[in-house]
Protein backbone atom coordinates (compact mmCIF):
# COMPACT_ATOMS: atom_id res chain seq x y z
CA UNK A 1 139.66 98.82 94.15
CA UNK A 2 139.30 100.22 90.42
CA UNK A 3 136.54 99.00 87.99
CA UNK A 4 137.56 97.74 84.54
CA UNK A 5 136.40 101.19 83.13
CA UNK A 6 138.89 103.12 85.35
CA UNK A 7 141.71 100.62 84.98
CA UNK A 8 141.37 100.72 80.79
CA UNK A 9 141.18 104.96 81.01
CA UNK A 10 144.66 104.83 83.39
CA UNK A 11 145.93 102.81 80.08
CA UNK A 12 144.51 105.57 77.61
CA UNK A 13 141.33 104.05 77.22
CA UNK A 14 139.57 103.35 73.64
CA UNK A 15 141.76 105.52 71.69
CA UNK A 16 144.50 103.09 72.43
CA UNK A 17 142.33 99.63 72.41
CA UNK A 18 140.37 100.68 69.60
CA UNK A 19 137.44 99.42 71.26
CA UNK A 20 135.75 99.98 74.62
CA UNK A 21 136.46 97.23 77.14
CA UNK A 22 133.67 96.71 79.58
CA UNK A 23 134.05 93.72 81.19
CA UNK A 24 136.89 91.78 83.26
CA UNK A 25 136.85 89.38 80.55
CA UNK A 26 137.45 91.93 77.90
CA UNK A 27 140.28 92.78 79.77
CA UNK A 28 141.79 89.11 80.27
CA UNK A 29 141.32 88.70 76.37
CA UNK A 30 143.18 91.96 75.83
CA UNK A 31 145.99 90.89 77.57
CA UNK A 32 146.36 87.49 76.47
CA UNK A 33 146.34 89.47 72.76
CA UNK A 34 148.92 91.75 74.12
CA UNK A 35 148.66 95.27 75.28
CA UNK A 36 149.12 98.09 72.99
CA UNK A 37 152.74 99.82 73.25
CA UNK A 38 150.40 103.26 73.43
CA UNK A 39 149.14 101.86 76.80
CA UNK A 40 152.09 102.44 78.31
CA UNK A 41 152.75 105.34 76.84
CA UNK A 42 149.18 107.03 78.46
CA UNK A 43 150.58 104.94 81.65
CA UNK A 44 153.71 106.29 82.31
CA UNK A 45 153.25 109.68 80.62
CA UNK A 46 149.94 110.19 83.34
CA UNK A 47 152.19 109.16 86.28
CA UNK A 48 155.23 111.13 85.39
CA UNK A 49 157.68 108.02 84.72
CA UNK A 50 159.90 107.45 81.71
CA UNK A 51 160.06 104.34 80.38
CA UNK A 52 163.43 103.43 81.48
CA UNK A 53 161.87 103.55 85.03
CA UNK A 54 159.04 101.31 83.06
CA UNK A 55 161.16 99.05 81.82
CA UNK A 56 162.83 98.16 85.35
CA UNK A 57 159.60 97.94 86.78
CA UNK A 58 157.90 95.72 84.34
CA UNK A 59 161.52 93.71 83.84
CA UNK A 60 161.66 94.63 80.41
CA UNK A 61 164.93 95.31 78.99
CA UNK A 62 165.45 98.08 76.63
CA UNK A 63 166.27 96.40 73.75
CA UNK A 64 162.85 94.43 73.81
CA UNK A 65 160.71 98.03 74.54
CA UNK A 66 162.50 99.12 71.44
CA UNK A 67 160.98 96.00 69.61
CA UNK A 68 157.80 96.68 71.13
CA UNK A 69 157.49 99.95 70.10
CA UNK A 70 158.10 98.64 67.01
CA UNK A 71 156.09 96.24 67.34
CA UNK A 72 153.23 97.79 68.89
CA UNK A 73 152.51 95.38 71.42
CA UNK A 74 153.27 93.55 74.34
CA UNK A 75 153.83 90.16 75.01
CA UNK A 76 150.81 88.69 77.62
CA UNK A 77 152.90 88.14 80.15
CA UNK A 78 154.49 91.97 79.97
CA UNK A 79 150.84 93.07 79.13
CA UNK A 80 150.17 91.26 82.54
CA UNK A 81 152.48 93.24 84.47
CA UNK A 82 151.18 96.20 82.56
CA UNK A 83 147.90 95.98 84.20
CA UNK A 84 149.42 95.15 87.40
CA UNK A 85 150.64 98.46 87.50
CA UNK A 86 147.81 100.59 86.00
CA UNK A 87 145.27 98.81 88.33
CA UNK A 88 147.58 100.50 91.49
CA UNK A 89 148.08 103.84 89.82
CA UNK A 90 144.58 103.59 89.24
CA UNK A 91 143.50 102.57 92.60
CA UNK A 92 146.22 105.50 93.84
CA UNK A 93 143.86 107.84 91.98
CA UNK A 94 140.83 106.57 93.41
CA UNK A 95 142.22 106.77 96.92
CA UNK A 96 144.28 110.78 96.13
CA UNK A 97 141.83 111.66 94.28
CA UNK A 98 143.96 113.40 91.26
CA UNK A 99 146.15 111.64 88.93
CA UNK A 100 148.92 114.26 90.45
CA UNK A 101 148.50 113.44 93.87
CA UNK A 102 148.29 110.07 92.94
CA UNK A 103 151.44 110.43 90.94
CA UNK A 104 153.33 112.45 94.29
CA UNK A 105 152.40 109.47 96.49
CA UNK A 106 153.72 106.94 94.08
CA UNK A 107 156.98 108.23 92.80
CA UNK A 108 158.45 109.34 96.46
CA UNK A 109 159.85 107.49 99.00
CA UNK A 110 157.28 106.00 101.59
CA UNK A 111 158.31 105.38 105.26
CA UNK A 112 155.50 102.83 105.58
CA UNK A 113 157.24 100.98 102.80
CA UNK A 114 160.96 101.12 104.60
CA UNK A 115 161.16 104.40 101.98
CA UNK A 116 161.00 102.34 98.85
CA UNK A 117 158.52 104.58 96.09
CA UNK A 118 155.51 102.56 95.89
CA UNK A 119 155.88 102.39 92.18
CA UNK A 120 159.47 100.89 92.56
CA UNK A 121 157.57 97.75 94.61
CA UNK A 122 155.48 96.79 91.65
CA UNK A 123 157.78 94.95 90.18
CA UNK A 124 156.81 91.81 91.93
CA UNK A 125 153.23 90.68 93.11
CA UNK A 126 154.39 90.70 96.59
CA UNK A 127 155.27 94.20 96.35
CA UNK A 128 152.22 95.22 94.65
CA UNK A 129 149.95 93.57 97.49
CA UNK A 130 152.05 95.45 99.71
CA UNK A 131 151.44 99.04 98.36
CA UNK A 132 147.93 97.87 98.02
CA UNK A 133 147.74 97.15 101.81
CA UNK A 134 148.93 100.45 102.41
CA UNK A 135 146.64 101.96 99.53
CA UNK A 136 143.92 100.22 101.52
CA UNK A 137 145.04 101.21 104.63
CA UNK A 138 144.89 105.54 103.69
CA UNK A 139 141.51 104.69 101.77
CA UNK A 140 139.93 103.52 105.48
CA UNK A 141 141.64 106.10 107.12
CA UNK A 142 144.18 103.70 109.26
CA UNK A 143 147.44 104.97 108.26
CA UNK A 144 150.41 103.94 110.68
């Protein structure tokens, strides 16, 4: 699983957060304050997802997304969901070695996930755990 630094890099790093976040406690505090809107832009750009699809995954309606863009920050609950998606994206990058390979795996239908794209299952904790399990199996060479 990715460390805090890899996770934050997936969200745009120090340039987005305006300071270094090094520990899980730093990350928890950032989530409670609200993740900057630019972190979502960095995540979606890096993995080739449009904001409409990200909104569906995060359960953030388009009007709320527009408000968050103006406010430059998400709520704590929305931030927690964004970090959940970023954690899986960082893990996939770790498993596959590059953002491009991870993006391809995350956005294409997957037989092990009943032909669902892994990203589309990240809308719930249960779906996220299912994707994590598949990534763990791939990481350890237990595919099937």
